[in-house]
Amino acid sequence: MKKNIVLLICFFIIATILLCGCNGNSNEIKKFYGEWQRTEINGEIVTFNFFSNNTYELIDDDTYLSGNFSVDDNILLLYIEKIPWENNYLFSEDNTKLTLTYTLTDADNTSVTYIKII
């Protein structure tokens, strides 16, 4: 009887750990969910939408990109037609600003900051 109770308790502990999503990436990726915007020098608004099914949309006046995204070791991976685009990221302390830093081919690092709208 005691063995069954111990086994049952172990089962519930393991099931709880597996079902709660207790991994750091889970909490970190949730920070991205929502709508983020930045304004270009020419006044053009660039919008990033991150969704809870780990997909994104990048929208501006003449561009629409969408795909999947993931977070790994403080790098945001945006998949464009299954090709990953690496972005280092940094959130403000209150998680309302998101700074992405990336390198384009033969260029210096570029940093852009988005403000959380929703």
Protein backbone atom coordinates (compact mmCIF):
# COMPACT_ATOMS: atom_id res chain seq x y z
CA MET A 1 0.00 0.00 0.00
CA LYS A 2 2.78 2.40 0.93
CA LYS A 3 4.57 1.57 -2.35
CA ASN A 4 1.45 2.48 -4.33
CA ILE A 5 1.11 5.83 -2.55
CA VAL A 6 4.80 6.67 -3.14
CA LEU A 7 4.49 5.69 -6.82
CA LEU A 8 1.32 7.75 -7.17
CA ILE A 9 2.97 10.81 -5.60
CA CYS A 10 6.00 10.42 -7.90
CA PHE A 11 3.72 10.12 -10.92
CA PHE A 12 1.89 13.36 -10.00
CA ILE A 13 5.14 15.23 -9.44
CA ILE A 14 6.55 14.14 -12.80
CA ALA A 15 3.27 14.86 -14.59
CA THR A 16 3.09 18.34 -13.03
CA ILE A 17 6.65 19.17 -14.11
CA LEU A 18 6.02 17.98 -17.67
CA LEU A 19 2.67 19.74 -18.05
CA CYS A 20 3.52 23.10 -16.51
CA GLY A 21 6.07 24.05 -19.15
CA CYS A 22 8.71 24.74 -16.53
CA ASN A 23 11.42 25.62 -18.97
CA GLY A 24 13.04 29.04 -19.12
CA ASN A 25 12.33 29.45 -22.84
CA SER A 26 8.61 29.08 -22.21
CA ASN A 27 8.49 32.14 -19.96
CA GLU A 28 10.95 34.06 -22.12
CA ILE A 29 9.05 33.43 -25.36
CA LYS A 30 5.82 34.73 -23.80
CA LYS A 31 7.43 38.17 -23.49
CA PHE A 32 7.35 38.43 -27.28
CA TYR A 33 3.61 37.77 -27.67
CA GLY A 34 1.69 40.81 -28.88
CA GLU A 35 2.11 43.73 -31.25
CA TRP A 36 5.36 45.73 -31.40
CA GLN A 37 5.98 48.85 -33.48
CA ARG A 38 8.76 51.22 -34.44
CA THR A 39 8.78 54.29 -36.65
CA GLU A 40 11.37 54.71 -39.39
CA ILE A 41 13.09 58.07 -40.02
CA ASN A 42 10.78 58.59 -43.03
CA GLY A 43 7.70 58.10 -40.82
CA GLU A 44 6.98 54.57 -42.00
CA ILE A 45 5.61 52.33 -39.23
CA VAL A 46 7.04 48.83 -38.95
CA THR A 47 4.93 46.32 -37.03
CA PHE A 48 5.94 42.96 -35.57
CA ASN A 49 3.14 40.67 -34.40
CA PHE A 50 4.18 37.66 -32.33
CA PHE A 51 1.52 35.02 -31.71
CA SER A 52 1.19 32.33 -29.03
CA ASN A 53 1.49 29.56 -31.64
CA ASN A 54 5.08 30.81 -32.18
CA THR A 55 4.40 32.48 -35.51
CA TYR A 56 5.08 36.08 -36.43
CA GLU A 57 4.22 38.74 -38.99
CA LEU A 58 6.50 41.62 -39.99
CA ILE A 59 4.59 44.36 -41.77
CA ASP A 60 5.57 47.73 -43.19
CA ASP A 61 4.43 49.82 -46.16
CA ASP A 62 5.90 47.48 -48.78
CA THR A 63 6.85 44.29 -46.93
CA TYR A 64 4.98 41.38 -45.43
CA LEU A 65 6.94 38.50 -43.93
CA SER A 66 5.60 35.70 -41.80
CA GLY A 67 6.83 32.45 -40.39
CA ASN A 68 7.73 30.68 -37.19
CA PHE A 69 9.96 31.98 -34.44
CA SER A 70 11.84 30.51 -31.51
CA VAL A 71 14.11 31.68 -28.72
CA ASP A 72 17.39 30.01 -27.84
CA ASP A 73 20.28 31.35 -25.74
CA ASN A 74 19.10 34.99 -25.93
CA ILE A 75 18.74 34.78 -29.69
CA LEU A 76 15.43 35.31 -31.45
CA LEU A 77 15.26 33.09 -34.51
CA LEU A 78 12.84 34.26 -37.18
CA TYR A 79 12.29 31.64 -39.85
CA ILE A 80 11.78 33.04 -43.34
CA GLU A 81 10.92 30.18 -45.67
CA LYS A 82 12.63 27.79 -43.21
CA ILE A 83 15.84 29.86 -43.19
CA PRO A 84 16.64 31.24 -39.71
CA TRP A 85 17.39 34.94 -39.28
CA GLU A 86 19.28 35.45 -36.01
CA ASN A 87 18.56 38.47 -33.83
CA ASN A 88 20.09 39.20 -30.47
CA TYR A 89 17.39 40.69 -28.29
CA LEU A 90 17.04 42.70 -25.12
CA PHE A 91 13.85 43.62 -23.26
CA SER A 92 13.50 46.71 -21.11
CA GLU A 93 12.99 46.07 -17.39
CA ASP A 94 9.22 46.47 -17.74
CA ASN A 95 9.10 44.39 -20.97
CA THR A 96 7.56 47.25 -22.98
CA LYS A 97 10.58 47.83 -25.24
CA LEU A 98 12.30 45.21 -27.36
CA THR A 99 15.67 45.90 -28.97
CA LEU A 100 16.75 43.60 -31.79
CA THR A 101 20.33 43.57 -33.04
CA TYR A 102 21.18 41.83 -36.28
CA THR A 103 23.81 41.84 -39.00
CA LEU A 104 22.98 42.16 -42.66
CA THR A 105 25.40 40.76 -45.24
CA ASP A 106 28.63 42.81 -45.35
CA ALA A 107 27.29 45.39 -42.88
CA ASP A 108 27.82 46.41 -39.29
CA ASN A 109 25.42 45.37 -36.57
CA THR A 110 22.08 47.14 -36.75
CA SER A 111 19.93 47.72 -33.66
CA VAL A 112 16.27 48.68 -33.74
CA THR A 113 13.89 49.17 -30.84
CA TYR A 114 10.20 48.29 -30.89
CA ILE A 115 7.56 49.53 -28.45
CA LYS A 116 4.89 47.10 -27.24
CA ILE A 117 1.44 48.25 -28.41
CA ILE A 118 -0.70 45.33 -27.24
